[in-house]
């Protein structure tokens, strides 16, 4: 039997992964289940509170300001726009299937911004 690589199958597999690894006392730290009673949990909390949340909040604020001014479309929540910007970077950083370099970062930024531009 051939493998089913349809988008529906991928979505189902991702949903199952999240259900299996993000319930109960475990959370994920860089894709690895972490028990709340470990030092890894403290590292996770420090990364979220000291790095990821502040940067996400600041980027989201910039997106919302650009939406209010009419430069970016308003039909997409700012947190989704942030994920579109940084998601590909984290994917390359952790999967390591392709290089994460300035050219890729610029390409992602240009592509996402093009998709977020307000339609006139």
PDB file of N, CA and C in Angstrom:
ATOM      1  N   UNK A   1       0.835  -1.186   0.000  1.00  0.00           N
ATOM      2  CA  UNK A   1       0.000   0.000   0.000  1.00  0.00           C
ATOM      3  C   UNK A   1       0.880   1.250   0.000  1.00  0.00           C
ATOM      4  N   UNK A   2       0.570   2.196  -0.842  1.00  0.00           N
ATOM      5  CA  UNK A   2       1.346   3.438  -0.933  1.00  0.00           C
ATOM      6  C   UNK A   2       1.074   4.318   0.283  1.00  0.00           C
ATOM      7  N   UNK A   3       2.068   5.103   0.647  1.00  0.00           N
ATOM      8  CA  UNK A   3       1.888   6.053   1.745  1.00  0.00           C
ATOM      9  C   UNK A   3       0.933   7.151   1.330  1.00  0.00           C
ATOM     10  N   UNK A   4       0.090   7.593   2.274  1.00  0.00           N
ATOM     11  CA  UNK A   4      -0.850   8.674   2.019  1.00  0.00           C
ATOM     12  C   UNK A   4      -0.233   9.971   2.526  1.00  0.00           C
ATOM     13  N   UNK A   5       0.228  10.806   1.617  1.00  0.00           N
ATOM     14  CA  UNK A   5       0.856  12.061   1.993  1.00  0.00           C
ATOM     15  C   UNK A   5      -0.045  13.254   1.670  1.00  0.00           C
ATOM     16  N   UNK A   6      -1.361  13.037   1.680  1.00  0.00           N
ATOM     17  CA  UNK A   6      -2.265  14.142   1.412  1.00  0.00           C
ATOM     18  C   UNK A   6      -2.240  15.128   2.575  1.00  0.00           C
ATOM     19  N   UNK A   7      -2.704  16.343   2.316  1.00  0.00           N
ATOM     20  CA  UNK A   7      -2.746  17.356   3.373  1.00  0.00           C
ATOM     21  C   UNK A   7      -3.643  16.908   4.521  1.00  0.00           C
ATOM     22  N   UNK A   8      -4.719  16.209   4.213  1.00  0.00           N
ATOM     23  CA  UNK A   8      -5.606  15.716   5.269  1.00  0.00           C
ATOM     24  C   UNK A   8      -4.862  14.742   6.166  1.00  0.00           C
ATOM     25  N   UNK A   9      -4.063  13.876   5.566  1.00  0.00           N
ATOM     26  CA  UNK A   9      -3.290  12.913   6.347  1.00  0.00           C
ATOM     27  C   UNK A   9      -2.250  13.623   7.214  1.00  0.00           C
ATOM     28  N   UNK A  10      -1.568  14.598   6.650  1.00  0.00           N
ATOM     29  CA  UNK A  10      -0.570  15.352   7.405  1.00  0.00           C
ATOM     30  C   UNK A  10      -1.238  16.067   8.569  1.00  0.00           C
ATOM     31  N   UNK A  11      -2.384  16.688   8.324  1.00  0.00           N
ATOM     32  CA  UNK A  11      -3.126  17.383   9.375  1.00  0.00           C
ATOM     33  C   UNK A  11      -3.521  16.417  10.486  1.00  0.00           C
ATOM     34  N   UNK A  12      -3.989  15.242  10.121  1.00  0.00           N
ATOM     35  CA  UNK A  12      -4.370  14.232  11.107  1.00  0.00           C
ATOM     36  C   UNK A  12      -3.166  13.789  11.923  1.00  0.00           C
ATOM     37  N   UNK A  13      -2.040  13.555  11.259  1.00  0.00           N
ATOM     38  CA  UNK A  13      -0.831  13.131  11.971  1.00  0.00           C
ATOM     39  C   UNK A  13      -0.351  14.205  12.944  1.00  0.00           C
ATOM     40  N   UNK A  14      -0.385  15.466  12.510  1.00  0.00           N
ATOM     41  CA  UNK A  14       0.027  16.553  13.402  1.00  0.00           C
ATOM     42  C   UNK A  14      -0.911  16.659  14.597  1.00  0.00           C
ATOM     43  N   UNK A  15      -2.208  16.518  14.357  1.00  0.00           N
ATOM     44  CA  UNK A  15      -3.179  16.574  15.453  1.00  0.00           C
ATOM     45  C   UNK A  15      -2.938  15.460  16.454  1.00  0.00           C
ATOM     46  N   UNK A  16      -2.665  14.259  15.955  1.00  0.00           N
ATOM     47  CA  UNK A  16      -2.377  13.126  16.847  1.00  0.00           C
ATOM     48  C   UNK A  16      -1.111  13.375  17.644  1.00  0.00           C
ATOM     49  N   UNK A  17      -0.091  13.943  17.015  1.00  0.00           N
ATOM     50  CA  UNK A  17       1.157  14.233  17.718  1.00  0.00           C
ATOM     51  C   UNK A  17       0.918  15.212  18.854  1.00  0.00           C
ATOM     52  N   UNK A  18       0.162  16.261  18.573  1.00  0.00           N
ATOM     53  CA  UNK A  18      -0.132  17.265  19.599  1.00  0.00           C
ATOM     54  C   UNK A  18      -0.918  16.623  20.736  1.00  0.00           C
ATOM     55  N   UNK A  19      -1.918  15.821  20.420  1.00  0.00           N
ATOM     56  CA  UNK A  19      -2.707  15.159  21.463  1.00  0.00           C
ATOM     57  C   UNK A  19      -1.839  14.233  22.301  1.00  0.00           C
ATOM     58  N   UNK A  20      -0.923  13.524  21.673  1.00  0.00           N
ATOM     59  CA  UNK A  20      -0.072  12.572  22.386  1.00  0.00           C
ATOM     60  C   UNK A  20       0.974  13.249  23.255  1.00  0.00           C
ATOM     61  N   UNK A  21       1.439  14.426  22.850  1.00  0.00           N
ATOM     62  CA  UNK A  21       2.581  15.033  23.536  1.00  0.00           C
ATOM     63  C   UNK A  21       2.276  16.310  24.308  1.00  0.00           C
ATOM     64  N   UNK A  22       1.090  16.854  24.200  1.00  0.00           N
ATOM     65  CA  UNK A  22       0.816  18.141  24.847  1.00  0.00           C
ATOM     66  C   UNK A  22      -0.300  18.047  25.883  1.00  0.00           C
ATOM     67  N   UNK A  23      -0.661  16.885  26.323  1.00  0.00           N
ATOM     68  CA  UNK A  23      -1.679  16.739  27.356  1.00  0.00           C
ATOM     69  C   UNK A  23      -1.041  16.344  28.678  1.00  0.00           C
ATOM     70  N   UNK A  24      -1.758  16.508  29.746  1.00  0.00           N
ATOM     71  CA  UNK A  24      -1.272  16.081  31.057  1.00  0.00           C
ATOM     72  C   UNK A  24      -0.177  16.971  31.585  1.00  0.00           C
ATOM     73  N   UNK A  25       0.812  16.374  32.230  1.00  0.00           N
ATOM     74  CA  UNK A  25       1.885  17.130  32.860  1.00  0.00           C
ATOM     75  C   UNK A  25       3.053  17.397  31.927  1.00  0.00           C
ATOM     76  N   UNK A  26       2.976  16.975  30.699  1.00  0.00           N
ATOM     77  CA  UNK A  26       4.075  17.187  29.763  1.00  0.00           C
ATOM     78  C   UNK A  26       3.771  18.337  28.814  1.00  0.00           C
ATOM     79  N   UNK A  27       4.771  19.099  28.506  1.00  0.00           N
ATOM     80  CA  UNK A  27       4.716  20.140  27.484  1.00  0.00           C
ATOM     81  C   UNK A  27       5.914  19.886  26.584  1.00  0.00           C
ATOM     82  N   UNK A  28       6.026  20.690  25.548  1.00  0.00           N
ATOM     83  CA  UNK A  28       7.139  20.501  24.627  1.00  0.00           C
ATOM     84  C   UNK A  28       8.187  21.580  24.817  1.00  0.00           C
ATOM     85  N   UNK A  29       9.439  21.184  24.797  1.00  0.00           N
ATOM     86  CA  UNK A  29      10.574  22.096  24.767  1.00  0.00           C
ATOM     87  C   UNK A  29      11.361  21.729  23.524  1.00  0.00           C
ATOM     88  N   UNK A  30      11.261  22.574  22.513  1.00  0.00           N
ATOM     89  CA  UNK A  30      11.936  22.314  21.242  1.00  0.00           C
ATOM     90  C   UNK A  30      11.571  20.944  20.694  1.00  0.00           C
ATOM     91  N   UNK A  31      10.290  20.593  20.797  1.00  0.00           N
ATOM     92  CA  UNK A  31       9.785  19.354  20.233  1.00  0.00           C
ATOM     93  C   UNK A  31       9.938  18.125  21.093  1.00  0.00           C
ATOM     94  N   UNK A  32      10.489  18.264  22.289  1.00  0.00           N
ATOM     95  CA  UNK A  32      10.702  17.116  23.171  1.00  0.00           C
ATOM     96  C   UNK A  32       9.778  17.242  24.377  1.00  0.00           C
ATOM     97  N   UNK A  33       9.032  16.177  24.706  1.00  0.00           N
ATOM     98  CA  UNK A  33       8.168  16.250  25.895  1.00  0.00           C
ATOM     99  C   UNK A  33       8.987  16.528  27.153  1.00  0.00           C
ATOM    100  N   UNK A  34       8.480  17.448  27.984  1.00  0.00           N
ATOM    101  CA  UNK A  34       9.181  17.856  29.196  1.00  0.00           C
ATOM    102  C   UNK A  34       8.211  17.776  30.366  1.00  0.00           C
ATOM    103  N   UNK A  35       8.628  17.099  31.426  1.00  0.00           N
ATOM    104  CA  UNK A  35       7.821  17.021  32.642  1.00  0.00           C
ATOM    105  C   UNK A  35       7.974  18.322  33.415  1.00  0.00           C
ATOM    106  N   UNK A  36       6.893  18.784  34.014  1.00  0.00           N
ATOM    107  CA  UNK A  36       6.911  20.064  34.731  1.00  0.00           C
ATOM    108  C   UNK A  36       7.807  20.061  35.964  1.00  0.00           C
ATOM    109  N   UNK A  37       8.239  18.921  36.425  1.00  0.00           N
ATOM    110  CA  UNK A  37       9.050  18.838  37.639  1.00  0.00           C
ATOM    111  C   UNK A  37      10.534  18.691  37.342  1.00  0.00           C
ATOM    112  N   UNK A  38      10.999  19.235  36.239  1.00  0.00           N
ATOM    113  CA  UNK A  38      12.405  19.094  35.861  1.00  0.00           C
ATOM    114  C   UNK A  38      13.024  20.458  35.584  1.00  0.00           C
ATOM    115  N   UNK A  39      14.358  20.468  35.492  1.00  0.00           N
ATOM    116  CA  UNK A  39      15.052  21.707  35.118  1.00  0.00           C
ATOM    117  C   UNK A  39      14.721  22.108  33.689  1.00  0.00           C
ATOM    118  N   UNK A  40      14.451  21.132  32.847  1.00  0.00           N
ATOM    119  CA  UNK A  40      14.084  21.440  31.467  1.00  0.00           C
ATOM    120  C   UNK A  40      12.804  22.278  31.447  1.00  0.00           C
ATOM    121  N   UNK A  41      11.902  22.027  32.386  1.00  0.00           N
ATOM    122  CA  UNK A  41      10.671  22.823  32.471  1.00  0.00           C
ATOM    123  C   UNK A  41      11.017  24.272  32.805  1.00  0.00           C
ATOM    124  N   UNK A  42      11.982  24.459  33.716  1.00  0.00           N
ATOM    125  CA  UNK A  42      12.409  25.809  34.070  1.00  0.00           C
ATOM    126  C   UNK A  42      13.032  26.508  32.867  1.00  0.00           C
ATOM    127  N   UNK A  43      13.803  25.766  32.077  1.00  0.00           N
ATOM    128  CA  UNK A  43      14.392  26.323  30.860  1.00  0.00           C
ATOM    129  C   UNK A  43      13.293  26.715  29.883  1.00  0.00           C
ATOM    130  N   UNK A  44      12.300  25.847  29.721  1.00  0.00           N
ATOM    131  CA  UNK A  44      11.175  26.139  28.831  1.00  0.00           C
ATOM    132  C   UNK A  44      10.491  27.431  29.265  1.00  0.00           C
ATOM    133  N   UNK A  45      10.199  27.550  30.558  1.00  0.00           N
ATOM    134  CA  UNK A  45       9.531  28.743  31.077  1.00  0.00           C
ATOM    135  C   UNK A  45      10.387  29.993  30.851  1.00  0.00           C
ATOM    136  N   UNK A  46      11.688  29.870  31.082  1.00  0.00           N
ATOM    137  CA  UNK A  46      12.584  31.011  30.894  1.00  0.00           C
ATOM    138  C   UNK A  46      12.620  31.437  29.424  1.00  0.00           C
ATOM    139  N   UNK A  47      12.669  30.480  28.506  1.00  0.00           N
ATOM    140  CA  UNK A  47      12.680  30.807  27.079  1.00  0.00           C
ATOM    141  C   UNK A  47      11.369  31.475  26.665  1.00  0.00           C
ATOM    142  N   UNK A  48      10.252  30.912  27.123  1.00  0.00           N
ATOM    143  CA  UNK A  48       8.960  31.488  26.759  1.00  0.00           C
ATOM    144  C   UNK A  48       8.801  32.895  27.328  1.00  0.00           C
ATOM    145  N   UNK A  49       9.070  33.045  28.634  1.00  0.00           N
ATOM    146  CA  UNK A  49       8.837  34.327  29.303  1.00  0.00           C
ATOM    147  C   UNK A  49       9.882  35.384  28.961  1.00  0.00           C
ATOM    148  N   UNK A  50      11.129  34.967  28.782  1.00  0.00           N
ATOM    149  CA  UNK A  50      12.198  35.926  28.571  1.00  0.00           C
ATOM    150  C   UNK A  50      12.527  36.219  27.124  1.00  0.00           C
ATOM    151  N   UNK A  51      12.138  35.330  26.218  1.00  0.00           N
ATOM    152  CA  UNK A  51      12.513  35.509  24.818  1.00  0.00           C
ATOM    153  C   UNK A  51      11.310  35.450  23.881  1.00  0.00           C
ATOM    154  N   UNK A  52      10.645  34.308  23.827  1.00  0.00           N
ATOM    155  CA  UNK A  52       9.614  34.105  22.805  1.00  0.00           C
ATOM    156  C   UNK A  52       8.400  35.008  22.988  1.00  0.00           C
ATOM    157  N   UNK A  53       7.831  35.070  24.178  1.00  0.00           N
ATOM    158  CA  UNK A  53       6.646  35.906  24.372  1.00  0.00           C
ATOM    159  C   UNK A  53       6.928  37.390  24.145  1.00  0.00           C
ATOM    160  N   UNK A  54       7.998  37.948  24.714  1.00  0.00           N
ATOM    161  CA  UNK A  54       8.260  39.374  24.451  1.00  0.00           C
ATOM    162  C   UNK A  54       8.479  39.683  22.968  1.00  0.00           C
ATOM    163  N   UNK A  55       9.226  38.825  22.249  1.00  0.00           N
ATOM    164  CA  UNK A  55       9.464  39.066  20.825  1.00  0.00           C
ATOM    165  C   UNK A  55       8.174  38.898  20.031  1.00  0.00           C
ATOM    166  N   UNK A  56       7.382  37.883  20.366  1.00  0.00           N
ATOM    167  CA  UNK A  56       6.109  37.666  19.682  1.00  0.00           C
ATOM    168  C   UNK A  56       5.170  38.838  19.924  1.00  0.00           C
ATOM    169  N   UNK A  57       5.114  39.305  21.169  1.00  0.00           N
ATOM    170  CA  UNK A  57       4.247  40.440  21.496  1.00  0.00           C
ATOM    171  C   UNK A  57       4.673  41.690  20.732  1.00  0.00           C
ATOM    172  N   UNK A  58       5.974  41.960  20.682  1.00  0.00           N
ATOM    173  CA  UNK A  58       6.476  43.146  19.991  1.00  0.00           C
ATOM    174  C   UNK A  58       6.195  43.063  18.490  1.00  0.00           C
ATOM    175  N   UNK A  59       6.408  41.908  17.907  1.00  0.00           N
ATOM    176  CA  UNK A  59       6.147  41.739  16.474  1.00  0.00           C
ATOM    177  C   UNK A  59       4.651  41.850  16.200  1.00  0.00           C
ATOM    178  N   UNK A  60       3.839  41.249  17.064  1.00  0.00           N
ATOM    179  CA  UNK A  60       2.381  41.350  16.913  1.00  0.00           C
ATOM    180  C   UNK A  60       1.906  42.788  16.984  1.00  0.00           C
ATOM    181  N   UNK A  61       2.510  43.575  17.865  1.00  0.00           N
ATOM    182  CA  UNK A  61       2.151  44.995  17.984  1.00  0.00           C
ATOM    183  C   UNK A  61       2.467  45.734  16.689  1.00  0.00           C
ATOM    184  N   UNK A  62       3.626  45.448  16.097  1.00  0.00           N
ATOM    185  CA  UNK A  62       3.983  46.087  14.826  1.00  0.00           C
ATOM    186  C   UNK A  62       3.010  45.693  13.721  1.00  0.00           C
ATOM    187  N   UNK A  63       2.621  44.424  13.707  1.00  0.00           N
ATOM    188  CA  UNK A  63       1.658  43.952  12.694  1.00  0.00           C
ATOM    189  C   UNK A  63       0.327  44.673  12.878  1.00  0.00           C
ATOM    190  N   UNK A  64      -0.171  44.745  14.117  1.00  0.00           N
ATOM    191  CA  UNK A  64      -1.447  45.420  14.374  1.00  0.00           C
ATOM    192  C   UNK A  64      -1.387  46.901  13.967  1.00  0.00           C
ATOM    193  N   UNK A  65      -0.271  47.575  14.250  1.00  0.00           N
ATOM    194  CA  UNK A  65      -0.127  48.982  13.856  1.00  0.00           C
ATOM    195  C   UNK A  65      -0.160  49.125  12.335  1.00  0.00           C
ATOM    196  N   UNK A  66       0.502  48.212  11.630  1.00  0.00           N
ATOM    197  CA  UNK A  66       0.486  48.254  10.164  1.00  0.00           C
ATOM    198  C   UNK A  66      -0.911  47.945   9.630  1.00  0.00           C
ATOM    199  N   UNK A  67      -1.655  47.085  10.319  1.00  0.00           N
ATOM    200  CA  UNK A  67      -3.028  46.800   9.909  1.00  0.00           C
ATOM    201  C   UNK A  67      -3.908  48.036  10.111  1.00  0.00           C
ATOM    202  N   UNK A  68      -3.756  48.688  11.246  1.00  0.00           N
ATOM    203  CA  UNK A  68      -4.557  49.888  11.531  1.00  0.00           C
ATOM    204  C   UNK A  68      -4.272  51.003  10.532  1.00  0.00           C
ATOM    205  N   UNK A  69      -3.038  51.116  10.096  1.00  0.00           N
ATOM    206  CA  UNK A  69      -2.675  52.180   9.154  1.00  0.00           C
ATOM    207  C   UNK A  69      -3.068  51.840   7.717  1.00  0.00           C
ATOM    208  N   UNK A  70      -3.515  50.596   7.502  1.00  0.00           N
ATOM    209  CA  UNK A  70      -3.950  50.204   6.160  1.00  0.00           C
ATOM    210  C   UNK A  70      -2.862  49.610   5.288  1.00  0.00           C
ATOM    211  N   UNK A  71      -1.648  49.459   5.823  1.00  0.00           N
ATOM    212  CA  UNK A  71      -0.559  48.882   5.022  1.00  0.00           C
ATOM    213  C   UNK A  71      -0.686  47.364   4.889  1.00  0.00           C
ATOM    214  N   UNK A  72      -1.227  46.722   5.933  1.00  0.00           N
ATOM    215  CA  UNK A  72      -1.405  45.266   5.895  1.00  0.00           C
ATOM    216  C   UNK A  72      -2.884  44.929   6.028  1.00  0.00           C
ATOM    217  N   UNK A  73      -3.283  43.797   5.453  1.00  0.00           N
ATOM    218  CA  UNK A  73      -4.674  43.372   5.511  1.00  0.00           C
ATOM    219  C   UNK A  73      -5.102  43.138   6.957  1.00  0.00           C
ATOM    220  N   UNK A  74      -6.374  43.386   7.190  1.00  0.00           N
ATOM    221  CA  UNK A  74      -6.904  43.326   8.547  1.00  0.00           C
ATOM    222  C   UNK A  74      -7.638  42.017   8.838  1.00  0.00           C
ATOM    223  N   UNK A  75      -7.796  41.161   7.852  1.00  0.00           N
ATOM    224  CA  UNK A  75      -8.580  39.945   8.035  1.00  0.00           C
ATOM    225  C   UNK A  75      -7.788  38.783   8.625  1.00  0.00           C
ATOM    226  N   UNK A  76      -6.527  39.001   8.911  1.00  0.00           N
ATOM    227  CA  UNK A  76      -5.681  37.950   9.472  1.00  0.00           C
ATOM    228  C   UNK A  76      -5.216  38.377  10.860  1.00  0.00           C
ATOM    229  N   UNK A  77      -5.487  37.585  11.895  1.00  0.00           N
ATOM    230  CA  UNK A  77      -5.040  37.966  13.235  1.00  0.00           C
ATOM    231  C   UNK A  77      -3.520  38.148  13.277  1.00  0.00           C
ATOM    232  N   UNK A  78      -3.076  39.108  14.059  1.00  0.00           N
ATOM    233  CA  UNK A  78      -1.646  39.419  14.139  1.00  0.00           C
ATOM    234  C   UNK A  78      -0.831  38.211  14.562  1.00  0.00           C
ATOM    235  N   UNK A  79      -1.361  37.392  15.491  1.00  0.00           N
ATOM    236  CA  UNK A  79      -0.575  36.236  15.951  1.00  0.00           C
ATOM    237  C   UNK A  79      -0.360  35.220  14.832  1.00  0.00           C
ATOM    238  N   UNK A  80      -1.285  35.156  13.897  1.00  0.00           N
ATOM    239  CA  UNK A  80      -1.101  34.262  12.746  1.00  0.00           C
ATOM    240  C   UNK A  80      -0.022  34.829  11.830  1.00  0.00           C
ATOM    241  N   UNK A  81      -0.029  36.136  11.614  1.00  0.00           N
ATOM    242  CA  UNK A  81       1.000  36.771  10.799  1.00  0.00           C
ATOM    243  C   UNK A  81       2.385  36.553  11.410  1.00  0.00           C
ATOM    244  N   UNK A  82       2.485  36.659  12.725  1.00  0.00           N
ATOM    245  CA  UNK A  82       3.766  36.415  13.398  1.00  0.00           C
ATOM    246  C   UNK A  82       4.219  34.984  13.153  1.00  0.00           C
ATOM    247  N   UNK A  83       3.314  34.035  13.298  1.00  0.00           N
ATOM    248  CA  UNK A  83       3.670  32.638  13.066  1.00  0.00           C
ATOM    249  C   UNK A  83       4.102  32.394  11.628  1.00  0.00           C
ATOM    250  N   UNK A  84       3.467  33.081  10.679  1.00  0.00           N
ATOM    251  CA  UNK A  84       3.876  32.947   9.276  1.00  0.00           C
ATOM    252  C   UNK A  84       5.295  33.456   9.066  1.00  0.00           C
ATOM    253  N   UNK A  85       5.662  34.494   9.799  1.00  0.00           N
ATOM    254  CA  UNK A  85       7.007  35.054   9.671  1.00  0.00           C
ATOM    255  C   UNK A  85       8.071  34.175  10.319  1.00  0.00           C
ATOM    256  N   UNK A  86       7.830  33.717  11.531  1.00  0.00           N
ATOM    257  CA  UNK A  86       8.883  33.008  12.261  1.00  0.00           C
ATOM    258  C   UNK A  86       8.813  31.489  12.132  1.00  0.00           C
ATOM    259  N   UNK A  87       7.654  30.969  11.765  1.00  0.00           N
ATOM    260  CA  UNK A  87       7.508  29.519  11.648  1.00  0.00           C
ATOM    261  C   UNK A  87       8.522  28.871  10.715  1.00  0.00           C
ATOM    262  N   UNK A  88       8.688  29.389   9.492  1.00  0.00           N
ATOM    263  CA  UNK A  88       9.672  28.789   8.586  1.00  0.00           C
ATOM    264  C   UNK A  88      11.100  28.839   9.130  1.00  0.00           C
ATOM    265  N   UNK A  89      11.408  29.891   9.893  1.00  0.00           N
ATOM    266  CA  UNK A  89      12.758  30.017  10.440  1.00  0.00           C
ATOM    267  C   UNK A  89      13.015  28.940  11.492  1.00  0.00           C
ATOM    268  N   UNK A  90      12.048  28.758  12.389  1.00  0.00           N
ATOM    269  CA  UNK A  90      12.196  27.710  13.406  1.00  0.00           C
ATOM    270  C   UNK A  90      12.212  26.324  12.761  1.00  0.00           C
ATOM    271  N   UNK A  91      11.413  26.149  11.729  1.00  0.00           N
ATOM    272  CA  UNK A  91      11.391  24.858  11.029  1.00  0.00           C
ATOM    273  C   UNK A  91      12.778  24.525  10.495  1.00  0.00           C
ATOM    274  N   UNK A  92      13.398  25.471   9.822  1.00  0.00           N
ATOM    275  CA  UNK A  92      14.748  25.223   9.298  1.00  0.00           C
ATOM    276  C   UNK A  92      15.764  25.048  10.414  1.00  0.00           C
ATOM    277  N   UNK A  93      15.582  25.802  11.504  1.00  0.00           N
ATOM    278  CA  UNK A  93      16.529  25.725  12.611  1.00  0.00           C
ATOM    279  C   UNK A  93      16.493  24.342  13.272  1.00  0.00           C
ATOM    280  N   UNK A  94      15.301  23.768  13.398  1.00  0.00           N
ATOM    281  CA  UNK A  94      15.192  22.510  14.132  1.00  0.00           C
ATOM    282  C   UNK A  94      15.227  21.273  13.252  1.00  0.00           C
ATOM    283  N   UNK A  95      14.688  21.348  12.050  1.00  0.00           N
ATOM    284  CA  UNK A  95      14.704  20.185  11.163  1.00  0.00           C
ATOM    285  C   UNK A  95      16.055  20.055  10.476  1.00  0.00           C
ATOM    286  N   UNK A  96      16.680  21.185  10.165  1.00  0.00           N
ATOM    287  CA  UNK A  96      18.015  21.231   9.575  1.00  0.00           C
ATOM    288  C   UNK A  96      18.109  20.523   8.220  1.00  0.00           C
ATOM    289  N   UNK A  97      17.050  20.598   7.449  1.00  0.00           N
ATOM    290  CA  UNK A  97      17.044  19.979   6.124  1.00  0.00           C
ATOM    291  C   UNK A  97      17.608  20.904   5.055  1.00  0.00           C
ATOM    292  N   UNK A  98      17.609  22.211   5.342  1.00  0.00           N
ATOM    293  CA  UNK A  98      18.129  23.233   4.444  1.00  0.00           C
ATOM    294  C   UNK A  98      18.805  24.295   5.310  1.00  0.00           C
ATOM    295  N   UNK A  99      19.697  25.081   4.727  1.00  0.00           N
ATOM    296  CA  UNK A  99      20.366  26.108   5.530  1.00  0.00           C
ATOM    297  C   UNK A  99      19.418  27.240   5.932  1.00  0.00           C
ATOM    298  N   UNK A 100      19.658  27.775   7.108  1.00  0.00           N
ATOM    299  CA  UNK A 100      18.957  28.961   7.575  1.00  0.00           C
ATOM    300  C   UNK A 100      19.952  30.109   7.448  1.00  0.00           C
ATOM    301  N   UNK A 101      19.752  30.913   6.406  1.00  0.00           N
ATOM    302  CA  UNK A 101      20.707  31.994   6.132  1.00  0.00           C
ATOM    303  C   UNK A 101      19.960  33.280   5.812  1.00  0.00           C
ATOM    304  N   UNK A 102      20.713  34.359   5.627  1.00  0.00           N
ATOM    305  CA  UNK A 102      20.111  35.665   5.364  1.00  0.00           C
ATOM    306  C   UNK A 102      19.223  35.653   4.124  1.00  0.00           C
ATOM    307  N   UNK A 103      19.632  34.942   3.108  1.00  0.00           N
ATOM    308  CA  UNK A 103      18.841  34.899   1.871  1.00  0.00           C
ATOM    309  C   UNK A 103      17.478  34.272   2.130  1.00  0.00           C
ATOM    310  N   UNK A 104      17.448  33.196   2.911  1.00  0.00           N
ATOM    311  CA  UNK A 104      16.170  32.551   3.216  1.00  0.00           C
ATOM    312  C   UNK A 104      15.298  33.466   4.075  1.00  0.00           C
ATOM    313  N   UNK A 105      15.893  34.097   5.081  1.00  0.00           N
ATOM    314  CA  UNK A 105      15.135  35.008   5.945  1.00  0.00           C
ATOM    315  C   UNK A 105      14.516  36.128   5.116  1.00  0.00           C
ATOM    316  N   UNK A 106      15.281  36.706   4.201  1.00  0.00           N
ATOM    317  CA  UNK A 106      14.766  37.774   3.333  1.00  0.00           C
ATOM    318  C   UNK A 106      13.642  37.265   2.441  1.00  0.00           C
ATOM    319  N   UNK A 107      13.811  36.066   1.908  1.00  0.00           N
ATOM    320  CA  UNK A 107      12.788  35.483   1.041  1.00  0.00           C
ATOM    321  C   UNK A 107      11.493  35.254   1.808  1.00  0.00           C
ATOM    322  N   UNK A 108      11.594  34.728   3.020  1.00  0.00           N
ATOM    323  CA  UNK A 108      10.405  34.505   3.842  1.00  0.00           C
ATOM    324  C   UNK A 108       9.727  35.836   4.136  1.00  0.00           C
ATOM    325  N   UNK A 109      10.507  36.828   4.561  1.00  0.00           N
ATOM    326  CA  UNK A 109       9.934  38.125   4.902  1.00  0.00           C
ATOM    327  C   UNK A 109       9.209  38.738   3.703  1.00  0.00           C
ATOM    328  N   UNK A 110       9.867  38.762   2.549  1.00  0.00           N
ATOM    329  CA  UNK A 110       9.245  39.341   1.356  1.00  0.00           C
ATOM    330  C   UNK A 110       7.968  38.592   0.975  1.00  0.00           C
ATOM    331  N   UNK A 111       8.018  37.272   1.026  1.00  0.00           N
ATOM    332  CA  UNK A 111       6.858  36.472   0.631  1.00  0.00           C
ATOM    333  C   UNK A 111       5.683  36.675   1.586  1.00  0.00           C
ATOM    334  N   UNK A 112       5.958  36.670   2.871  1.00  0.00           N
ATOM    335  CA  UNK A 112       4.888  36.846   3.851  1.00  0.00           C
ATOM    336  C   UNK A 112       4.316  38.259   3.747  1.00  0.00           C
ATOM    337  N   UNK A 113       5.178  39.251   3.645  1.00  0.00           N
ATOM    338  CA  UNK A 113       4.691  40.623   3.532  1.00  0.00           C
ATOM    339  C   UNK A 113       3.845  40.815   2.277  1.00  0.00           C
ATOM    340  N   UNK A 114       4.252  40.183   1.178  1.00  0.00           N
ATOM    341  CA  UNK A 114       3.474  40.267  -0.057  1.00  0.00           C
ATOM    342  C   UNK A 114       2.076  39.689   0.174  1.00  0.00           C
ATOM    343  N   UNK A 115       1.996  38.587   0.903  1.00  0.00           N
ATOM    344  CA  UNK A 115       0.705  37.979   1.187  1.00  0.00           C
ATOM    345  C   UNK A 115      -0.141  38.769   2.180  1.00  0.00           C
ATOM    346  N   UNK A 116       0.521  39.573   3.016  1.00  0.00           N
ATOM    347  CA  UNK A 116      -0.194  40.366   4.013  1.00  0.00           C
ATOM    348  C   UNK A 116      -0.567  41.764   3.538  1.00  0.00           C
ATOM    349  N   UNK A 117      -0.064  42.169   2.365  1.00  0.00           N
ATOM    350  CA  UNK A 117      -0.338  43.520   1.879  1.00  0.00           C
ATOM    351  C   UNK A 117      -1.831  43.755   1.762  1.00  0.00           C
ATOM    352  N   UNK A 118      -2.223  44.957   2.143  1.00  0.00           N
ATOM    353  CA  UNK A 118      -3.633  45.338   2.005  1.00  0.00           C
ATOM    354  C   UNK A 118      -3.963  45.443   0.515  1.00  0.00           C
ATOM    355  N   UNK A 119      -5.124  44.960   0.171  1.00  0.00           N
ATOM    356  CA  UNK A 119      -5.567  45.053  -1.221  1.00  0.00           C
ATOM    357  C   UNK A 119      -6.190  46.429  -1.424  1.00  0.00           C
ATOM    358  N   UNK A 120      -5.815  47.090  -2.518  1.00  0.00           N
ATOM    359  CA  UNK A 120      -6.365  48.425  -2.763  1.00  0.00           C
ATOM    360  C   UNK A 120      -7.599  48.385  -3.620  1.00  0.00           C
TER     361      UNK A 120
END
